[in-house]
Amino acid sequence: LFTPLYWIMMSAAAWRALFQLFTRPH
């Protein structure tokens, strides 16, 4: 039951990572 929400959380982390990759890469 929690898997879809867990994947949404992973998506949030992925978009946050993409943003940081160009703003604070290290």
PDB file of all heavy atoms in Angstrom:
ATOM      1  N   LEU A   1       0.817  -1.218   0.000  1.00  0.00           N
ATOM      2  CA  LEU A   1       0.000   0.000   0.000  1.00  0.00           C
ATOM      3  C   LEU A   1       0.849   1.266   0.000  1.00  0.00           C
ATOM      4  O   LEU A   1       0.458   2.285  -0.587  1.00  0.00           O
ATOM      5  CB  LEU A   1      -0.927  -0.001   1.222  1.00  0.00           C
ATOM      6  CG  LEU A   1      -2.053  -1.039   1.231  1.00  0.00           C
ATOM      7  CD1 LEU A   1      -2.884  -0.919   2.497  1.00  0.00           C
ATOM      8  CD2 LEU A   1      -2.947  -0.884  -0.001  1.00  0.00           C
ATOM      9  N   PHE A   2       2.008   1.220   0.649  1.00  0.00           N
ATOM     10  CA  PHE A   2       2.821   2.431   0.784  1.00  0.00           C
ATOM     11  C   PHE A   2       3.744   2.651  -0.413  1.00  0.00           C
ATOM     12  O   PHE A   2       4.296   3.739  -0.570  1.00  0.00           O
ATOM     13  CB  PHE A   2       3.659   2.346   2.074  1.00  0.00           C
ATOM     14  CG  PHE A   2       4.235   3.662   2.513  1.00  0.00           C
ATOM     15  CD1 PHE A   2       3.434   4.616   3.105  1.00  0.00           C
ATOM     16  CD2 PHE A   2       5.581   3.939   2.324  1.00  0.00           C
ATOM     17  CE1 PHE A   2       3.961   5.836   3.517  1.00  0.00           C
ATOM     18  CE2 PHE A   2       6.117   5.158   2.727  1.00  0.00           C
ATOM     19  CZ  PHE A   2       5.302   6.113   3.330  1.00  0.00           C
ATOM     20  N   THR A   3       3.898   1.641  -1.260  1.00  0.00           N
ATOM     21  CA  THR A   3       4.854   1.745  -2.365  1.00  0.00           C
ATOM     22  C   THR A   3       4.605   2.946  -3.277  1.00  0.00           C
ATOM     23  O   THR A   3       5.553   3.670  -3.603  1.00  0.00           O
ATOM     24  CB  THR A   3       4.878   0.437  -3.174  1.00  0.00           C
ATOM     25  OG1 THR A   3       5.448  -0.596  -2.359  1.00  0.00           O
ATOM     26  CG2 THR A   3       5.725   0.585  -4.442  1.00  0.00           C
ATOM     27  N   PRO A   4       3.373   3.230  -3.727  1.00  0.00           N
ATOM     28  CA  PRO A   4       3.195   4.421  -4.583  1.00  0.00           C
ATOM     29  C   PRO A   4       3.656   5.711  -3.908  1.00  0.00           C
ATOM     30  O   PRO A   4       4.302   6.552  -4.542  1.00  0.00           O
ATOM     31  CB  PRO A   4       1.688   4.429  -4.852  1.00  0.00           C
ATOM     32  CG  PRO A   4       1.267   3.004  -4.705  1.00  0.00           C
ATOM     33  CD  PRO A   4       2.113   2.459  -3.601  1.00  0.00           C
ATOM     34  N   LEU A   5       3.345   5.878  -2.615  1.00  0.00           N
ATOM     35  CA  LEU A   5       3.773   7.085  -1.908  1.00  0.00           C
ATOM     36  C   LEU A   5       5.294   7.109  -1.765  1.00  0.00           C
ATOM     37  O   LEU A   5       5.920   8.174  -1.886  1.00  0.00           O
ATOM     38  CB  LEU A   5       3.100   7.159  -0.539  1.00  0.00           C
ATOM     39  CG  LEU A   5       3.458   8.382   0.316  1.00  0.00           C
ATOM     40  CD1 LEU A   5       3.155   9.674  -0.434  1.00  0.00           C
ATOM     41  CD2 LEU A   5       2.712   8.344   1.651  1.00  0.00           C
ATOM     42  N   TYR A   6       5.893   5.932  -1.519  1.00  0.00           N
ATOM     43  CA  TYR A   6       7.348   5.862  -1.392  1.00  0.00           C
ATOM     44  C   TYR A   6       8.017   6.270  -2.706  1.00  0.00           C
ATOM     45  O   TYR A   6       9.029   6.972  -2.712  1.00  0.00           O
ATOM     46  CB  TYR A   6       7.755   4.435  -1.002  1.00  0.00           C
ATOM     47  CG  TYR A   6       9.193   4.294  -0.524  1.00  0.00           C
ATOM     48  CD1 TYR A   6       9.594   4.872   0.670  1.00  0.00           C
ATOM     49  CD2 TYR A   6      10.122   3.570  -1.261  1.00  0.00           C
ATOM     50  CE1 TYR A   6      10.902   4.733   1.130  1.00  0.00           C
ATOM     51  CE2 TYR A   6      11.425   3.427  -0.813  1.00  0.00           C
ATOM     52  CZ  TYR A   6      11.809   4.004   0.381  1.00  0.00           C
ATOM     53  OH  TYR A   6      13.102   3.869   0.822  1.00  0.00           O
ATOM     54  N   TRP A   7       7.440   5.857  -3.809  1.00  0.00           N
ATOM     55  CA  TRP A   7       7.993   6.249  -5.111  1.00  0.00           C
ATOM     56  C   TRP A   7       7.787   7.742  -5.376  1.00  0.00           C
ATOM     57  O   TRP A   7       8.632   8.374  -6.023  1.00  0.00           O
ATOM     58  CB  TRP A   7       7.357   5.397  -6.210  1.00  0.00           C
ATOM     59  CG  TRP A   7       7.989   4.044  -6.339  1.00  0.00           C
ATOM     60  CD1 TRP A   7       8.425   3.241  -5.322  1.00  0.00           C
ATOM     61  CD2 TRP A   7       8.254   3.334  -7.552  1.00  0.00           C
ATOM     62  NE1 TRP A   7       8.928   2.075  -5.820  1.00  0.00           N
ATOM     63  CE2 TRP A   7       8.840   2.098  -7.197  1.00  0.00           C
ATOM     64  CE3 TRP A   7       8.035   3.604  -8.888  1.00  0.00           C
ATOM     65  CZ2 TRP A   7       9.226   1.155  -8.132  1.00  0.00           C
ATOM     66  CZ3 TRP A   7       8.415   2.649  -9.841  1.00  0.00           C
ATOM     67  CH2 TRP A   7       9.007   1.451  -9.464  1.00  0.00           C
ATOM     68  N   ILE A   8       6.699   8.294  -4.889  1.00  0.00           N
ATOM     69  CA  ILE A   8       6.502   9.746  -5.005  1.00  0.00           C
ATOM     70  C   ILE A   8       7.590  10.468  -4.206  1.00  0.00           C
ATOM     71  O   ILE A   8       8.138  11.495  -4.649  1.00  0.00           O
ATOM     72  CB  ILE A   8       5.102  10.143  -4.502  1.00  0.00           C
ATOM     73  CG1 ILE A   8       4.043   9.726  -5.525  1.00  0.00           C
ATOM     74  CG2 ILE A   8       5.018  11.639  -4.244  1.00  0.00           C
ATOM     75  CD1 ILE A   8       4.086  10.517  -6.824  1.00  0.00           C
ATOM     76  N   MET A   9       7.919   9.953  -3.029  1.00  0.00           N
ATOM     77  CA  MET A   9       8.998  10.541  -2.226  1.00  0.00           C
ATOM     78  C   MET A   9      10.330  10.455  -2.975  1.00  0.00           C
ATOM     79  O   MET A   9      11.125  11.408  -2.958  1.00  0.00           O
ATOM     80  CB  MET A   9       9.097   9.828  -0.877  1.00  0.00           C
ATOM     81  CG  MET A   9       7.908  10.066   0.041  1.00  0.00           C
ATOM     82  SD  MET A   9       7.985   9.072   1.558  1.00  0.00           S
ATOM     83  CE  MET A   9       9.452   9.734   2.333  1.00  0.00           C
ATOM     84  N   MET A  10      10.570   9.336  -3.644  1.00  0.00           N
ATOM     85  CA  MET A  10      11.795   9.214  -4.432  1.00  0.00           C
ATOM     86  C   MET A  10      11.803  10.216  -5.582  1.00  0.00           C
ATOM     87  O   MET A  10      12.852  10.767  -5.930  1.00  0.00           O
ATOM     88  CB  MET A  10      11.958   7.781  -4.955  1.00  0.00           C
ATOM     89  CG  MET A  10      12.433   6.802  -3.900  1.00  0.00           C
ATOM     90  SD  MET A  10      13.004   5.230  -4.568  1.00  0.00           S
ATOM     91  CE  MET A  10      11.465   4.396  -4.837  1.00  0.00           C
ATOM     92  N   SER A  11      10.639  10.460  -6.153  1.00  0.00           N
ATOM     93  CA  SER A  11      10.552  11.452  -7.230  1.00  0.00           C
ATOM     94  C   SER A  11      10.866  12.849  -6.703  1.00  0.00           C
ATOM     95  O   SER A  11      11.562  13.630  -7.359  1.00  0.00           O
ATOM     96  CB  SER A  11       9.155  11.429  -7.853  1.00  0.00           C
ATOM     97  OG  SER A  11       8.895  10.180  -8.461  1.00  0.00           O
ATOM     98  N   ALA A  12      10.361  13.159  -5.504  1.00  0.00           N
ATOM     99  CA  ALA A  12      10.660  14.463  -4.906  1.00  0.00           C
ATOM    100  C   ALA A  12      12.158  14.611  -4.676  1.00  0.00           C
ATOM    101  O   ALA A  12      12.746  15.673  -4.937  1.00  0.00           O
ATOM    102  CB  ALA A  12       9.895  14.620  -3.591  1.00  0.00           C
ATOM    103  N   ALA A  13      12.786  13.538  -4.190  1.00  0.00           N
ATOM    104  CA  ALA A  13      14.236  13.576  -3.977  1.00  0.00           C
ATOM    105  C   ALA A  13      14.976  13.731  -5.299  1.00  0.00           C
ATOM    106  O   ALA A  13      15.996  14.429  -5.373  1.00  0.00           O
ATOM    107  CB  ALA A  13      14.688  12.299  -3.259  1.00  0.00           C
ATOM    108  N   ALA A  14      14.474  13.089  -6.364  1.00  0.00           N
ATOM    109  CA  ALA A  14      15.132  13.180  -7.671  1.00  0.00           C
ATOM    110  C   ALA A  14      15.066  14.604  -8.220  1.00  0.00           C
ATOM    111  O   ALA A  14      16.063  15.124  -8.748  1.00  0.00           O
ATOM    112  CB  ALA A  14      14.485  12.206  -8.647  1.00  0.00           C
ATOM    113  N   TRP A  15      13.895  15.241  -8.130  1.00  0.00           N
ATOM    114  CA  TRP A  15      13.788  16.620  -8.610  1.00  0.00           C
ATOM    115  C   TRP A  15      14.620  17.575  -7.759  1.00  0.00           C
ATOM    116  O   TRP A  15      15.244  18.512  -8.271  1.00  0.00           O
ATOM    117  CB  TRP A  15      12.321  17.056  -8.632  1.00  0.00           C
ATOM    118  CG  TRP A  15      11.596  16.505  -9.824  1.00  0.00           C
ATOM    119  CD1 TRP A  15      10.737  15.442  -9.849  1.00  0.00           C
ATOM    120  CD2 TRP A  15      11.700  16.975 -11.165  1.00  0.00           C
ATOM    121  NE1 TRP A  15      10.299  15.207 -11.131  1.00  0.00           N
ATOM    122  CE2 TRP A  15      10.863  16.143 -11.964  1.00  0.00           C
ATOM    123  CE3 TRP A  15      12.404  17.997 -11.783  1.00  0.00           C
ATOM    124  CZ2 TRP A  15      10.724  16.313 -13.335  1.00  0.00           C
ATOM    125  CZ3 TRP A  15      12.266  18.184 -13.149  1.00  0.00           C
ATOM    126  CH2 TRP A  15      11.436  17.361 -13.906  1.00  0.00           C
ATOM    127  N   ARG A  16      14.662  17.315  -6.471  1.00  0.00           N
ATOM    128  CA  ARG A  16      15.511  18.130  -5.580  1.00  0.00           C
ATOM    129  C   ARG A  16      16.984  17.933  -5.929  1.00  0.00           C
ATOM    130  O   ARG A  16      17.777  18.883  -5.915  1.00  0.00           O
ATOM    131  CB  ARG A  16      15.225  17.728  -4.132  1.00  0.00           C
ATOM    132  CG  ARG A  16      15.802  18.651  -3.083  1.00  0.00           C
ATOM    133  CD  ARG A  16      15.212  18.328  -1.712  1.00  0.00           C
ATOM    134  NE  ARG A  16      15.768  19.204  -0.688  1.00  0.00           N
ATOM    135  CZ  ARG A  16      16.827  18.911   0.053  1.00  0.00           C
ATOM    136  NH1 ARG A  16      17.433  17.740  -0.112  1.00  0.00           N
ATOM    137  NH2 ARG A  16      17.286  19.745   0.958  1.00  0.00           N
ATOM    138  N   ALA A  17      17.370  16.689  -6.242  1.00  0.00           N
ATOM    139  CA  ALA A  17      18.758  16.403  -6.625  1.00  0.00           C
ATOM    140  C   ALA A  17      19.114  17.120  -7.928  1.00  0.00           C
ATOM    141  O   ALA A  17      20.221  17.659  -8.075  1.00  0.00           O
ATOM    142  CB  ALA A  17      18.955  14.892  -6.779  1.00  0.00           C
ATOM    143  N   LEU A  18      18.183  17.109  -8.887  1.00  0.00           N
ATOM    144  CA  LEU A  18      18.431  17.779 -10.165  1.00  0.00           C
ATOM    145  C   LEU A  18      18.639  19.280  -9.958  1.00  0.00           C
ATOM    146  O   LEU A  18      19.529  19.889 -10.577  1.00  0.00           O
ATOM    147  CB  LEU A  18      17.261  17.527 -11.110  1.00  0.00           C
ATOM    148  CG  LEU A  18      17.447  17.989 -12.556  1.00  0.00           C
ATOM    149  CD1 LEU A  18      18.578  17.230 -13.233  1.00  0.00           C
ATOM    150  CD2 LEU A  18      16.144  17.811 -13.336  1.00  0.00           C
ATOM    151  N   PHE A  19      17.831  19.861  -9.080  1.00  0.00           N
ATOM    152  CA  PHE A  19      17.982  21.293  -8.789  1.00  0.00           C
ATOM    153  C   PHE A  19      19.348  21.565  -8.138  1.00  0.00           C
ATOM    154  O   PHE A  19      20.057  22.502  -8.526  1.00  0.00           O
ATOM    155  CB  PHE A  19      16.840  21.746  -7.869  1.00  0.00           C
ATOM    156  CG  PHE A  19      16.952  23.179  -7.433  1.00  0.00           C
ATOM    157  CD1 PHE A  19      16.645  24.213  -8.305  1.00  0.00           C
ATOM    158  CD2 PHE A  19      17.374  23.490  -6.150  1.00  0.00           C
ATOM    159  CE1 PHE A  19      16.753  25.540  -7.902  1.00  0.00           C
ATOM    160  CE2 PHE A  19      17.490  24.810  -5.742  1.00  0.00           C
ATOM    161  CZ  PHE A  19      17.177  25.841  -6.618  1.00  0.00           C
ATOM    162  N   GLN A  20      19.716  20.739  -7.156  1.00  0.00           N
ATOM    163  CA  GLN A  20      20.995  20.943  -6.468  1.00  0.00           C
ATOM    164  C   GLN A  20      22.183  20.678  -7.385  1.00  0.00           C
ATOM    165  O   GLN A  20      23.259  21.250  -7.184  1.00  0.00           O
ATOM    166  CB  GLN A  20      21.092  20.048  -5.233  1.00  0.00           C
ATOM    167  CG  GLN A  20      20.295  20.522  -4.045  1.00  0.00           C
ATOM    168  CD  GLN A  20      20.707  19.817  -2.766  1.00  0.00           C
ATOM    169  OE1 GLN A  20      21.671  19.061  -2.712  1.00  0.00           O
ATOM    170  NE2 GLN A  20      19.954  20.063  -1.694  1.00  0.00           N
ATOM    171  N   LEU A  21      22.010  19.814  -8.363  1.00  0.00           N
ATOM    172  CA  LEU A  21      23.107  19.491  -9.268  1.00  0.00           C
ATOM    173  C   LEU A  21      23.637  20.746  -9.961  1.00  0.00           C
ATOM    174  O   LEU A  21      24.836  20.848 -10.242  1.00  0.00           O
ATOM    175  CB  LEU A  21      22.636  18.466 -10.302  1.00  0.00           C
ATOM    176  CG  LEU A  21      23.696  17.915 -11.266  1.00  0.00           C
ATOM    177  CD1 LEU A  21      24.733  17.096 -10.515  1.00  0.00           C
ATOM    178  CD2 LEU A  21      23.028  17.065 -12.343  1.00  0.00           C
ATOM    179  N   PHE A  22      22.760  21.698 -10.202  1.00  0.00           N
ATOM    180  CA  PHE A  22      23.162  22.923 -10.903  1.00  0.00           C
ATOM    181  C   PHE A  22      23.343  24.111  -9.957  1.00  0.00           C
ATOM    182  O   PHE A  22      23.932  25.113 -10.347  1.00  0.00           O
ATOM    183  CB  PHE A  22      22.143  23.254 -11.994  1.00  0.00           C
ATOM    184  CG  PHE A  22      22.134  22.237 -13.093  1.00  0.00           C
ATOM    185  CD1 PHE A  22      21.171  21.243 -13.131  1.00  0.00           C
ATOM    186  CD2 PHE A  22      23.104  22.252 -14.083  1.00  0.00           C
ATOM    187  CE1 PHE A  22      21.164  20.285 -14.138  1.00  0.00           C
ATOM    188  CE2 PHE A  22      23.108  21.303 -15.092  1.00  0.00           C
ATOM    189  CZ  PHE A  22      22.146  20.317 -15.124  1.00  0.00           C
ATOM    190  N   THR A  23      22.825  24.005  -8.745  1.00  0.00           N
ATOM    191  CA  THR A  23      22.962  25.120  -7.808  1.00  0.00           C
ATOM    192  C   THR A  23      24.007  24.853  -6.727  1.00  0.00           C
ATOM    193  O   THR A  23      24.751  25.760  -6.344  1.00  0.00           O
ATOM    194  CB  THR A  23      21.611  25.432  -7.140  1.00  0.00           C
ATOM    195  OG1 THR A  23      21.133  24.266  -6.443  1.00  0.00           O
ATOM    196  CG2 THR A  23      20.586  25.872  -8.179  1.00  0.00           C
ATOM    197  N   ARG A  24      24.065  23.624  -6.216  1.00  0.00           N
ATOM    198  CA  ARG A  24      25.021  23.267  -5.156  1.00  0.00           C
ATOM    199  C   ARG A  24      25.557  21.858  -5.431  1.00  0.00           C
ATOM    200  O   ARG A  24      25.292  20.919  -4.676  1.00  0.00           O
ATOM    201  CB  ARG A  24      24.349  23.320  -3.782  1.00  0.00           C
ATOM    202  CG  ARG A  24      23.636  24.620  -3.488  1.00  0.00           C
ATOM    203  CD  ARG A  24      22.886  24.557  -2.172  1.00  0.00           C
ATOM    204  NE  ARG A  24      23.773  24.631  -1.014  1.00  0.00           N
ATOM    205  CZ  ARG A  24      23.374  24.458   0.249  1.00  0.00           C
ATOM    206  NH1 ARG A  24      22.105  24.174   0.504  1.00  0.00           N
ATOM    207  NH2 ARG A  24      24.234  24.556   1.241  1.00  0.00           N
ATOM    208  N   PRO A  25      26.308  21.669  -6.506  1.00  0.00           N
ATOM    209  CA  PRO A  25      26.682  20.310  -6.927  1.00  0.00           C
ATOM    210  C   PRO A  25      27.531  19.550  -5.915  1.00  0.00           C
ATOM    211  O   PRO A  25      27.443  18.320  -5.855  1.00  0.00           O
ATOM    212  CB  PRO A  25      27.454  20.546  -8.231  1.00  0.00           C
ATOM    213  CG  PRO A  25      27.930  21.957  -8.155  1.00  0.00           C
ATOM    214  CD  PRO A  25      26.858  22.694  -7.411  1.00  0.00           C
ATOM    215  N   HIS A  26      28.360  20.244  -5.131  1.00  0.00           N
ATOM    216  CA  HIS A  26      29.268  19.551  -4.216  1.00  0.00           C
ATOM    217  C   HIS A  26      28.846  19.666  -2.755  1.00  0.00           C
ATOM    218  O   HIS A  26      29.610  19.313  -1.861  1.00  0.00           O
ATOM    219  CB  HIS A  26      30.693  20.095  -4.397  1.00  0.00           C
ATOM    220  CG  HIS A  26      31.166  20.041  -5.815  1.00  0.00           C
ATOM    221  ND1 HIS A  26      31.650  21.145  -6.480  1.00  0.00           N
ATOM    222  CD2 HIS A  26      31.179  19.023  -6.722  1.00  0.00           C
ATOM    223  CE1 HIS A  26      31.961  20.812  -7.720  1.00  0.00           C
ATOM    224  NE2 HIS A  26      31.679  19.532  -7.896  1.00  0.00           N
TER     225      HIS A  26
END
